[in-house]
Amino acid sequence: MTTCPRRAWVLALSATVLAGSLAIPTFPTAATAATPSSGLTWRSCEKPGGPAGQECAELSVPLDYRAPHGRHLTLAVSRLRSERPAARRGTLLLIPGGPGGSGLDALQRKGTALRGQLAGAYDIVSFDPRGVGGSTTANCRLRADDRYVVGLRSWPDADGGITENVARSRRIAEACHRHGGPVLRSMSTANEVRDIDRLRQALGEERLSAVGASYGTYVGAVYAQKYPTRTDRWVLDSSGDPDPERVERGWLANMAVGADDRFPDFAAWAADPTRAKELRLAERPEDVRPLFLRLAAELDRKPKESTTPGVPLTGNRLRQALQMDLYSDNSFPQLAQLVRAARQPDGRPALPEALAQPLPQADAAVVTAVICNDVRWPTAIPPYRRAVALDRARHPLTAGMPVNVAPCTFWKDAPADKPTRITADGPSNVLMVQNLRDPSTPYAGALKMRQALGDRARLVTVGHGGHGVYPGHGNACADRTVTTFLTTGKRPQRDVHCADGARNAD
């Protein structure tokens, strides 16, 4: 399931995941737009390199909505006011990816581009979900070696064994149970949806428009299912399969297909005869995959010392680097350089920061908690062993990791809410946008979301690879289609296809 490279492993279903990612009823009047927000005290929080005029506030939300007068948590909220008040029609919410993605970071990155697209039609607002960034966080007190991405992600041993994965997953689940407390147990999609509705009320809006990215598409879909009359124009960018029986477990499993869909783009890039010598990996695209798999197997047998003392480049770290760098074409040079350095007999590869250091405690807690609090995972171990063996054979690029055991297998607390089934019940005000070759939320999963939403949605398919489409990821057709919908309410009458680099929808 939006972005920051440290969180890319969780789906940036990410802008978290993303290296940079992201209905047509009554409109608020200009008088309504000028009404002061209740419960939010805004202050300037501009940062160098970020959008001008950025403001921040704090929102108080119940720890447990079943006890609304009990303990409260604080959510960090940020806003860019419309620069054309007369054109303002409401508030556009950026729903961050992850789980674990920061909405404040997303607004910092994408705010200027969105302003350019939307021409003052909205105040643009985002937030850090509970557990993230400037909001109330939790801590599982995990050991440092359990907070590396290749520890939190269950990459099997070189021979496919999962004994160490089982032990680590059990250890993480027990630590979170002992130390996470009620804040950790409250981190879930259901509560994020409730928090969004509390934010809507604090902003003084009857309806929200939204752009949800990666995992944020699921949050957005659940909100639209729970509160259909409170949605205006709703955009879902890079969606996963909303199957309520699996939710995040299914998204992780689908990443094996996503890597296979996307890898040919990297292979073609790395074999391009115009590529600089230090980046070109092979004479032909079809030679890049076996080269990569051989190198990963060699590093399984004999890890290579990296420039980070005590953190060698292993086969699994190479595979994890691949997963993260497939998110964007802009990351291909970094991946090629890592592969070339690893193939040099005396080379010392420089690991990406996301692989070289443990995740901070709060980040490790939230990316684990949401996944485990949303849905029950099977607890028997033998089926995981069988699934890993089968998946390694079918999808060697991901080596069985997507279907492996996880801390959720041993999670102590049952989900407080049943996963929401996404249906076609509600207004026809959803626009989906999706890359054809997405390594994190593959196209096949997005089609399941499209099917679930029925006539509520239209799908814009972009003939490109990578995770995240809107705004400014290089496809003018997709940008224009989404912007037109958000600014005018005009939605395609049918699903459309935007070719790679296309100017018009097919």
Protein backbone atom coordinates (compact mmCIF):
# COMPACT_ATOMS: atom_id res chain seq x y z
CA MET A 1 0.00 0.00 0.00
CA THR A 2 2.83 7.17 -0.71
CA THR A 3 7.07 7.48 -0.18
CA CYS A 4 9.99 8.41 1.95
CA PRO A 5 12.65 5.78 1.10
CA ARG A 6 12.75 4.51 4.69
CA ARG A 7 9.10 3.54 4.42
CA ALA A 8 9.10 2.31 0.85
CA TRP A 9 8.98 -1.34 1.98
CA VAL A 10 5.52 -1.06 3.43
CA LEU A 11 3.75 -0.19 0.27
CA ALA A 12 3.96 2.87 -0.31
CA LEU A 13 0.87 1.71 -1.33
CA SER A 14 3.94 5.18 -1.09
CA ALA A 15 4.55 8.20 -1.19
CA THR A 16 6.02 6.89 1.62
CA VAL A 17 6.61 5.32 0.16
CA LEU A 18 6.87 7.19 -3.11
CA ALA A 19 10.09 8.77 -4.08
CA GLY A 20 7.65 11.51 -4.98
CA SER A 21 3.99 10.29 -5.78
CA LEU A 22 0.22 11.41 -5.10
CA ALA A 23 -17.16 13.86 -6.80
CA ILE A 24 -20.09 16.43 -7.99
CA PRO A 25 -22.61 17.72 -5.72
CA THR A 26 -23.24 21.02 -3.92
CA PHE A 27 -20.31 23.42 -3.89
CA PRO A 28 -19.39 25.59 -0.91
CA THR A 29 -19.93 29.26 -1.60
CA ALA A 30 -17.27 31.93 -1.26
CA ALA A 31 -18.92 32.98 2.00
CA THR A 32 -18.68 29.44 3.35
CA ALA A 33 -15.04 29.28 2.26
CA ALA A 34 -14.23 32.29 4.40
CA THR A 35 -15.72 30.82 7.57
CA PRO A 36 -13.01 30.38 10.22
CA SER A 37 -12.02 26.79 10.94
CA SER A 38 -13.13 25.48 14.34
CA GLY A 39 -10.68 23.69 16.60
CA LEU A 40 -7.56 24.57 14.56
CA THR A 41 -5.15 27.38 15.37
CA TRP A 42 -2.94 28.02 12.36
CA ARG A 43 0.64 29.27 12.44
CA SER A 44 3.23 29.77 9.74
CA CYS A 45 5.51 26.79 9.14
CA GLU A 46 7.19 27.55 5.83
CA LYS A 47 10.38 25.59 5.14
CA PRO A 48 13.20 26.29 2.69
CA GLY A 49 12.40 24.68 -0.65
CA GLY A 50 8.76 24.18 0.27
CA PRO A 51 5.64 26.02 -0.86
CA ALA A 52 5.11 29.63 0.21
CA GLY A 53 2.52 30.32 2.86
CA GLN A 54 2.43 26.85 4.41
CA GLU A 55 0.59 26.84 7.75
CA CYS A 56 0.44 24.22 10.50
CA ALA A 57 -1.96 23.37 13.30
CA GLU A 58 -2.74 20.57 15.74
CA LEU A 59 -5.96 18.57 15.85
CA SER A 60 -7.14 16.71 18.94
CA VAL A 61 -8.76 13.31 18.24
CA PRO A 62 -10.02 10.59 20.60
CA LEU A 63 -7.64 7.74 21.27
CA ASP A 64 -10.73 5.51 21.13
CA TYR A 65 -13.81 6.78 19.32
CA ARG A 66 -15.91 4.44 21.45
CA ALA A 67 -14.86 6.59 24.41
CA PRO A 68 -14.87 10.07 22.86
CA HIS A 69 -14.48 11.88 26.18
CA GLY A 70 -11.46 9.84 27.23
CA ARG A 71 -7.82 10.28 26.34
CA HIS A 72 -7.04 12.28 23.19
CA LEU A 73 -4.13 12.22 20.73
CA THR A 74 -2.69 15.06 18.67
CA LEU A 75 -2.46 15.06 14.88
CA ALA A 76 -0.17 17.44 13.01
CA VAL A 77 -2.04 19.22 10.21
CA SER A 78 -0.76 21.49 7.45
CA ARG A 79 -2.47 23.77 4.95
CA LEU A 80 -1.82 25.83 1.84
CA ARG A 81 -4.55 28.42 1.45
CA SER A 82 -5.97 29.11 -1.99
CA GLU A 83 -4.16 31.99 -3.61
CA ARG A 84 -7.40 32.98 -5.40
CA PRO A 85 -10.15 33.18 -2.77
CA ALA A 86 -12.80 34.08 -5.35
CA ALA A 87 -12.04 30.82 -7.22
CA ARG A 88 -11.94 28.65 -4.09
CA ARG A 89 -14.52 25.90 -4.03
CA GLY A 90 -13.48 23.91 -0.95
CA THR A 91 -10.68 21.86 0.62
CA LEU A 92 -8.57 19.20 -1.08
CA LEU A 93 -7.11 16.64 1.33
CA LEU A 94 -3.89 14.80 0.52
CA ILE A 95 -4.16 11.34 2.08
CA PRO A 96 -0.61 10.03 2.56
CA GLY A 97 0.66 6.57 1.65
CA GLY A 98 2.45 4.03 3.77
CA PRO A 99 1.23 2.96 6.23
CA GLY A 100 3.65 5.35 7.89
CA GLY A 101 3.74 8.11 5.29
CA SER A 102 3.76 11.75 6.40
CA GLY A 103 1.14 14.04 4.93
CA LEU A 104 3.14 17.07 6.00
CA ASP A 105 6.10 15.78 3.99
CA ALA A 106 3.80 15.13 1.03
CA LEU A 107 2.47 18.67 1.14
CA GLN A 108 6.00 20.02 1.41
CA ARG A 109 7.03 18.03 -1.68
CA LYS A 110 3.96 18.36 -3.85
CA GLY A 111 2.27 21.56 -2.69
CA THR A 112 3.82 23.86 -5.26
CA ALA A 113 3.04 21.48 -8.15
CA LEU A 114 -0.54 21.05 -6.94
CA ARG A 115 -1.04 24.78 -6.67
CA GLY A 116 0.10 25.10 -10.27
CA GLN A 117 -2.40 22.45 -11.37
CA LEU A 118 -5.40 23.60 -9.32
CA ALA A 119 -5.26 27.37 -9.90
CA GLY A 120 -6.69 28.34 -6.54
CA ALA A 121 -9.69 26.00 -6.58
CA TYR A 122 -8.84 24.61 -3.14
CA ASP A 123 -7.16 25.06 0.14
CA ILE A 124 -4.78 22.08 0.11
CA VAL A 125 -4.56 20.26 3.45
CA SER A 126 -2.75 17.19 4.73
CA PHE A 127 -1.89 15.58 8.05
CA ASP A 128 0.41 13.13 9.77
CA PRO A 129 -1.68 10.09 10.76
CA ARG A 130 -1.52 8.90 14.34
CA GLY A 131 1.90 7.36 14.92
CA VAL A 132 3.63 9.45 12.24
CA GLY A 133 5.95 12.46 12.30
CA GLY A 134 4.54 15.40 14.25
CA SER A 135 1.53 13.47 15.55
CA THR A 136 1.38 11.34 18.70
CA THR A 137 3.68 8.35 18.24
CA ALA A 138 4.32 5.00 19.91
CA ASN A 139 7.37 2.87 20.57
CA CYS A 140 7.76 -0.91 20.56
CA ARG A 141 11.33 -0.65 21.92
CA LEU A 142 12.60 -2.96 19.22
CA ARG A 143 16.22 -4.05 19.05
CA ALA A 144 18.23 -2.15 16.46
CA ASP A 145 18.79 -5.29 14.38
CA ASP A 146 15.03 -5.84 14.24
CA ARG A 147 14.47 -2.34 12.83
CA TYR A 148 16.46 -2.72 9.62
CA VAL A 149 14.18 -2.88 6.59
CA VAL A 150 15.44 -6.38 5.75
CA GLY A 151 14.52 -7.41 9.30
CA LEU A 152 11.04 -5.93 9.38
CA ARG A 153 10.54 -7.32 5.92
CA SER A 154 10.69 -11.11 6.14
CA TRP A 155 13.27 -12.02 3.50
CA PRO A 156 13.90 -15.78 3.69
CA ASP A 157 17.36 -17.27 4.16
CA ALA A 158 19.48 -18.12 1.11
CA ASP A 159 18.07 -21.65 1.09
CA GLY A 160 14.50 -20.44 1.46
CA GLY A 161 14.29 -21.23 5.17
CA ILE A 162 12.09 -19.04 7.36
CA THR A 163 13.13 -20.14 10.85
CA GLU A 164 14.89 -16.85 11.55
CA ASN A 165 11.92 -14.91 10.13
CA VAL A 166 9.60 -16.74 12.52
CA ALA A 167 11.78 -15.93 15.53
CA ARG A 168 12.14 -12.26 14.60
CA SER A 169 8.44 -11.83 13.82
CA ARG A 170 7.49 -13.36 17.16
CA ARG A 171 10.00 -11.13 18.97
CA ILE A 172 8.67 -7.96 17.29
CA ALA A 173 5.04 -8.85 18.05
CA GLU A 174 5.83 -9.52 21.71
CA ALA A 175 7.80 -6.26 22.07
CA CYS A 176 4.95 -4.25 20.54
CA HIS A 177 2.47 -5.92 22.87
CA ARG A 178 4.59 -5.15 25.94
CA HIS A 179 5.56 -1.58 25.09
CA GLY A 180 3.23 -0.17 22.44
CA GLY A 181 0.26 0.44 24.70
CA PRO A 182 -3.15 1.76 23.69
CA VAL A 183 -1.69 4.30 21.24
CA LEU A 184 -0.12 1.52 19.17
CA ARG A 185 -3.32 -0.51 19.32
CA SER A 186 -5.27 2.49 18.00
CA MET A 187 -3.26 2.74 14.77
CA SER A 188 -5.52 1.40 12.04
CA THR A 189 -7.19 2.33 8.79
CA ALA A 190 -10.56 2.55 10.55
CA ASN A 191 -9.26 5.14 13.00
CA GLU A 192 -7.48 7.11 10.28
CA VAL A 193 -10.81 7.35 8.46
CA ARG A 194 -12.48 8.59 11.65
CA ASP A 195 -9.65 11.07 12.15
CA ILE A 196 -10.18 12.40 8.61
CA ASP A 197 -13.83 13.02 9.35
CA ARG A 198 -12.89 14.82 12.57
CA LEU A 199 -10.51 16.95 10.48
CA ARG A 200 -13.30 17.70 7.99
CA GLN A 201 -15.44 18.99 10.83
CA ALA A 202 -12.60 21.09 12.24
CA LEU A 203 -12.08 22.64 8.80
CA GLY A 204 -15.74 23.61 8.65
CA GLU A 205 -16.39 21.68 5.44
CA GLU A 206 -19.57 19.76 4.60
CA ARG A 207 -17.64 17.79 1.99
CA LEU A 208 -14.00 17.13 1.22
CA SER A 209 -12.25 16.51 -2.05
CA ALA A 210 -9.18 14.31 -1.83
CA VAL A 211 -6.17 12.79 -3.55
CA GLY A 212 -5.14 9.53 -1.87
CA ALA A 213 -1.81 8.01 -2.88
CA SER A 214 -0.78 4.35 -2.52
CA TYR A 215 -2.02 3.11 0.88
CA GLY A 216 -3.90 6.41 0.96
CA THR A 217 -6.13 5.07 -1.82
CA TYR A 218 -7.42 2.39 0.53
CA VAL A 219 -7.95 4.94 3.30
CA GLY A 220 -9.77 7.12 0.76
CA ALA A 221 -11.90 4.23 -0.48
CA VAL A 222 -12.89 3.28 3.07
CA TYR A 223 -13.79 6.90 3.86
CA ALA A 224 -15.92 7.08 0.71
CA GLN A 225 -17.62 3.85 1.73
CA LYS A 226 -18.29 5.00 5.31
CA TYR A 227 -19.15 8.63 4.57
CA PRO A 228 -20.28 8.79 0.93
CA THR A 229 -22.26 12.03 1.32
CA ARG A 230 -19.18 13.79 2.73
CA THR A 231 -17.09 13.26 -0.41
CA ASP A 232 -16.92 15.74 -3.26
CA ARG A 233 -14.28 14.92 -5.92
CA TRP A 234 -12.26 11.85 -4.99
CA VAL A 235 -8.98 10.75 -6.64
CA LEU A 236 -7.26 7.42 -5.94
CA ASP A 237 -3.68 7.31 -7.23
CA SER A 238 -2.02 3.84 -7.31
CA SER A 239 -4.53 1.46 -5.75
CA GLY A 240 -4.26 -2.01 -4.26
CA ASP A 241 -6.76 -4.85 -4.12
CA PRO A 242 -9.28 -3.94 -1.36
CA ASP A 243 -10.09 -7.61 -0.55
CA PRO A 244 -11.35 -7.34 3.07
CA GLU A 245 -10.20 -10.88 3.88
CA ARG A 246 -6.54 -9.98 3.23
CA VAL A 247 -6.08 -6.20 3.01
CA GLU A 248 -2.35 -5.46 3.64
CA ARG A 249 -1.42 -9.16 3.54
CA GLY A 250 -2.75 -9.29 0.00
CA TRP A 251 -0.96 -6.09 -0.99
CA LEU A 252 2.35 -7.51 0.17
CA ALA A 253 1.76 -10.75 -1.72
CA ASN A 254 0.97 -8.81 -4.89
CA MET A 255 4.34 -7.05 -4.79
CA ALA A 256 5.91 -10.16 -6.31
CA VAL A 257 3.82 -9.62 -9.43
CA GLY A 258 4.57 -5.90 -9.31
CA ALA A 259 8.33 -6.48 -9.38
CA ASP A 260 7.97 -8.81 -12.36
CA ASP A 261 5.78 -6.27 -14.19
CA ARG A 262 8.23 -3.43 -13.62
CA PHE A 263 11.67 -5.07 -13.95
CA PRO A 264 11.70 -5.04 -17.80
CA ASP A 265 11.69 -1.23 -17.67
CA PHE A 266 14.89 -1.27 -15.65
CA ALA A 267 16.38 -3.97 -17.87
CA ALA A 268 15.75 -1.90 -21.00
CA TRP A 269 17.23 1.17 -19.32
CA ALA A 270 20.32 -0.71 -18.08
CA ALA A 271 21.04 -2.19 -21.54
CA ASP A 272 20.44 0.98 -23.51
CA PRO A 273 23.50 1.46 -25.80
CA THR A 274 23.35 5.23 -25.18
CA ARG A 275 23.72 4.68 -21.43
CA ALA A 276 26.92 5.88 -19.78
CA LYS A 277 29.49 3.09 -19.43
CA GLU A 278 29.43 3.19 -15.64
CA LEU A 279 25.66 2.59 -15.64
CA ARG A 280 25.17 0.09 -18.44
CA LEU A 281 24.89 -3.47 -17.13
CA ALA A 282 24.44 -5.64 -20.22
CA GLU A 283 24.36 -5.65 -24.02
CA ARG A 284 20.74 -6.79 -24.19
CA PRO A 285 17.73 -6.21 -21.92
CA GLU A 286 17.12 -9.95 -21.62
CA ASP A 287 20.55 -10.37 -20.02
CA VAL A 288 19.90 -8.03 -17.09
CA ARG A 289 17.53 -10.26 -15.13
CA PRO A 290 19.81 -13.35 -15.03
CA LEU A 291 22.74 -11.08 -14.19
CA PHE A 292 20.82 -9.63 -11.23
CA LEU A 293 19.65 -13.03 -9.99
CA ARG A 294 23.17 -14.49 -10.17
CA LEU A 295 24.58 -11.56 -8.25
CA ALA A 296 21.92 -11.86 -5.54
CA ALA A 297 22.70 -15.58 -5.20
CA GLU A 298 26.44 -14.85 -4.92
CA LEU A 299 25.77 -12.29 -2.21
CA ASP A 300 23.58 -14.84 -0.39
CA ARG A 301 26.62 -17.12 -0.21
CA LYS A 302 29.21 -14.41 0.43
CA PRO A 303 27.99 -10.95 1.51
CA LYS A 304 30.13 -8.04 0.39
CA GLU A 305 31.52 -5.40 2.72
CA SER A 306 29.84 -2.06 2.12
CA THR A 307 30.85 1.49 2.95
CA THR A 308 28.70 1.22 6.11
CA PRO A 309 30.75 -0.60 8.78
CA GLY A 310 29.01 -3.70 10.06
CA VAL A 311 26.26 -3.63 7.43
CA PRO A 312 27.29 -5.78 4.45
CA LEU A 313 25.52 -5.96 1.11
CA THR A 314 23.67 -9.28 1.22
CA GLY A 315 21.52 -10.86 -1.43
CA ASN A 316 18.43 -9.72 0.42
CA ARG A 317 19.66 -6.15 0.76
CA LEU A 318 20.23 -6.13 -2.99
CA ARG A 319 16.71 -7.46 -3.58
CA GLN A 320 15.27 -4.86 -1.22
CA ALA A 321 17.19 -2.11 -3.03
CA LEU A 322 15.64 -3.35 -6.26
CA GLN A 323 12.16 -3.13 -4.79
CA MET A 324 12.66 0.45 -3.67
CA ASP A 325 14.42 1.65 -6.80
CA LEU A 326 11.75 0.26 -9.12
CA TYR A 327 9.41 2.96 -7.77
CA SER A 328 10.83 5.62 -10.08
CA ASP A 329 12.96 5.81 -13.22
CA ASN A 330 14.95 8.48 -11.37
CA SER A 331 16.26 5.75 -9.06
CA PHE A 332 17.58 3.50 -11.84
CA PRO A 333 21.09 5.06 -11.81
CA GLN A 334 21.39 4.38 -8.07
CA LEU A 335 20.43 0.74 -8.59
CA ALA A 336 22.81 0.30 -11.54
CA GLN A 337 25.68 1.78 -9.54
CA LEU A 338 24.97 -0.60 -6.66
CA VAL A 339 24.95 -3.61 -8.99
CA ARG A 340 28.17 -2.55 -10.70
CA ALA A 341 29.96 -1.94 -7.39
CA ALA A 342 28.82 -5.30 -6.08
CA ARG A 343 30.23 -7.07 -9.14
CA GLN A 344 33.68 -5.53 -8.74
CA PRO A 345 36.06 -7.92 -6.91
CA ASP A 346 37.49 -5.10 -4.80
CA GLY A 347 34.41 -2.85 -4.79
CA ARG A 348 32.77 -1.57 -1.60
CA PRO A 349 29.17 -0.76 -2.50
CA ALA A 350 27.53 2.28 -0.92
CA LEU A 351 24.19 1.20 0.54
CA PRO A 352 21.14 3.44 0.21
CA GLU A 353 20.40 5.16 3.52
CA ALA A 354 17.16 3.22 3.90
CA LEU A 355 19.18 -0.03 3.99
CA ALA A 356 22.23 1.20 5.87
CA GLN A 357 20.50 2.26 9.09
CA PRO A 358 17.71 0.94 11.32
CA LEU A 359 14.35 2.65 11.08
CA PRO A 360 13.57 5.02 13.97
CA GLN A 361 11.50 3.39 16.70
CA ALA A 362 8.33 5.36 15.90
CA ASP A 363 8.50 4.51 12.19
CA ALA A 364 9.02 0.83 12.88
CA ALA A 365 6.08 0.85 15.27
CA VAL A 366 3.54 2.48 12.98
CA VAL A 367 4.36 0.53 9.82
CA THR A 368 3.98 -2.69 11.80
CA ALA A 369 0.94 -1.71 13.84
CA VAL A 370 -1.39 -0.58 11.06
CA ILE A 371 -0.79 -3.71 9.01
CA CYS A 372 -1.38 -5.96 12.01
CA ASN A 373 -4.32 -4.03 13.52
CA ASP A 374 -6.30 -3.99 10.26
CA VAL A 375 -6.81 -7.72 9.73
CA ARG A 376 -6.04 -11.08 11.32
CA TRP A 377 -3.22 -13.07 9.73
CA PRO A 378 -3.07 -16.90 9.66
CA THR A 379 -1.14 -18.24 12.66
CA ALA A 380 -0.04 -21.69 11.44
CA ILE A 381 3.59 -21.70 10.25
CA PRO A 382 3.70 -24.62 7.73
CA PRO A 383 1.48 -22.82 5.17
CA TYR A 384 3.95 -19.92 5.16
CA ARG A 385 6.82 -22.32 4.44
CA ARG A 386 4.92 -23.80 1.51
CA ALA A 387 3.90 -20.39 0.18
CA VAL A 388 7.48 -19.13 0.33
CA ALA A 389 8.81 -22.15 -1.54
CA LEU A 390 6.20 -21.75 -4.29
CA ASP A 391 6.62 -17.99 -4.57
CA ARG A 392 10.42 -18.24 -4.78
CA ALA A 393 10.04 -20.48 -7.81
CA ARG A 394 7.45 -18.27 -9.49
CA HIS A 395 8.94 -14.88 -8.62
CA PRO A 396 12.68 -15.15 -7.94
CA LEU A 397 13.18 -11.37 -7.93
CA THR A 398 11.34 -11.20 -4.60
CA ALA A 399 12.50 -14.63 -3.36
CA GLY A 400 9.40 -15.49 -1.32
CA MET A 401 9.41 -12.39 0.88
CA PRO A 402 5.94 -11.08 -0.09
CA VAL A 403 4.13 -14.19 1.23
CA ASN A 404 6.32 -14.85 4.25
CA VAL A 405 5.49 -14.84 7.95
CA ALA A 406 5.31 -11.39 9.62
CA PRO A 407 4.87 -9.92 13.12
CA CYS A 408 1.12 -9.94 12.37
CA THR A 409 1.23 -13.74 12.50
CA PHE A 410 1.89 -13.47 16.25
CA TRP A 411 -0.01 -10.24 16.99
CA LYS A 412 -1.66 -10.40 20.40
CA ASP A 413 -4.65 -8.10 19.84
CA ALA A 414 -7.52 -8.83 17.50
CA PRO A 415 -8.53 -6.02 15.13
CA ALA A 416 -10.91 -3.61 16.85
CA ASP A 417 -12.82 -3.11 13.58
CA LYS A 418 -13.68 -5.50 10.78
CA PRO A 419 -12.14 -4.50 7.43
CA THR A 420 -14.53 -2.52 5.25
CA ARG A 421 -15.85 -4.07 2.07
CA ILE A 422 -15.63 -1.55 -0.77
CA THR A 423 -18.78 -1.57 -2.92
CA ALA A 424 -20.49 0.35 -5.72
CA ASP A 425 -22.91 1.97 -3.26
CA GLY A 426 -22.43 5.73 -3.28
CA PRO A 427 -22.01 8.73 -5.58
CA SER A 428 -20.19 8.40 -8.90
CA ASN A 429 -17.42 10.80 -7.95
CA VAL A 430 -14.24 8.69 -7.91
CA LEU A 431 -11.40 8.96 -10.43
CA MET A 432 -8.68 6.31 -10.28
CA VAL A 433 -5.29 6.84 -11.92
CA GLN A 434 -2.80 4.00 -12.24
CA ASN A 435 0.48 3.12 -13.91
CA LEU A 436 0.35 -0.04 -15.99
CA ARG A 437 3.62 -1.37 -14.49
CA ASP A 438 3.56 -0.46 -10.81
CA PRO A 439 6.04 -2.38 -8.61
CA SER A 440 4.15 -1.77 -5.37
CA THR A 441 0.45 -1.67 -6.26
CA PRO A 442 0.36 -3.72 -9.48
CA TYR A 443 -2.24 -3.09 -12.13
CA ALA A 444 -4.03 -6.37 -11.44
CA GLY A 445 -4.78 -5.20 -7.90
CA ALA A 446 -5.97 -1.79 -9.09
CA LEU A 447 -8.43 -3.54 -11.39
CA LYS A 448 -9.89 -5.23 -8.29
CA MET A 449 -10.45 -1.80 -6.72
CA ARG A 450 -12.02 -0.60 -9.97
CA GLN A 451 -14.31 -3.63 -10.02
CA ALA A 452 -15.32 -3.12 -6.39
CA LEU A 453 -16.25 0.53 -6.94
CA GLY A 454 -18.29 -0.23 -10.05
CA ASP A 455 -19.94 2.81 -11.64
CA ARG A 456 -18.75 5.02 -8.79
CA ALA A 457 -15.32 5.15 -10.47
CA ARG A 458 -13.53 5.74 -13.73
CA LEU A 459 -10.00 4.44 -14.29
CA VAL A 460 -7.23 6.34 -16.07
CA THR A 461 -4.55 3.82 -17.06
CA VAL A 462 -1.11 5.26 -17.75
CA GLY A 463 1.17 3.23 -20.02
CA HIS A 464 4.18 3.79 -17.80
CA GLY A 465 6.15 2.10 -15.04
CA GLY A 466 6.61 3.29 -11.48
CA HIS A 467 4.60 4.05 -8.37
CA GLY A 468 2.53 7.23 -8.31
CA VAL A 469 1.09 9.34 -11.13
CA TYR A 470 -0.31 12.71 -10.01
CA PRO A 471 0.94 15.38 -10.22
CA GLY A 472 3.98 15.85 -12.40
CA HIS A 473 5.28 12.33 -13.00
CA GLY A 474 5.71 12.91 -16.70
CA ASN A 475 2.35 12.10 -18.25
CA ALA A 476 0.55 15.23 -19.43
CA CYS A 477 -2.58 13.28 -20.37
CA ALA A 478 -3.00 11.89 -16.86
CA ASP A 479 -2.23 15.20 -15.17
CA ARG A 480 -4.73 17.02 -17.34
CA THR A 481 -7.46 14.42 -16.79
CA VAL A 482 -7.11 14.53 -13.02
CA THR A 483 -6.81 18.33 -12.88
CA THR A 484 -9.87 18.77 -15.09
CA PHE A 485 -11.87 16.52 -12.77
CA LEU A 486 -10.75 18.34 -9.62
CA THR A 487 -11.28 21.83 -11.01
CA THR A 488 -14.41 21.40 -13.15
CA GLY A 489 -16.01 18.15 -12.02
CA LYS A 490 -15.77 16.76 -15.57
CA ARG A 491 -14.91 13.08 -15.41
CA PRO A 492 -14.28 10.74 -18.36
CA GLN A 493 -17.46 8.99 -19.45
CA ARG A 494 -15.57 5.71 -19.60
CA ASP A 495 -12.22 4.29 -18.52
CA VAL A 496 -9.40 5.80 -20.58
CA HIS A 497 -5.80 5.00 -21.45
CA CYS A 498 -2.98 7.53 -21.49
CA ALA A 499 0.03 6.26 -23.44
CA ASP A 500 3.50 6.81 -21.99
CA GLY A 501 4.25 10.48 -22.56
CA ALA A 502 0.85 10.93 -24.22
CA ARG A 503 -0.86 14.28 -24.64
CA ASN A 504 -4.38 12.92 -25.03
CA ALA A 505 -6.42 10.04 -23.67
CA ASP A 506 -7.04 7.22 -26.11
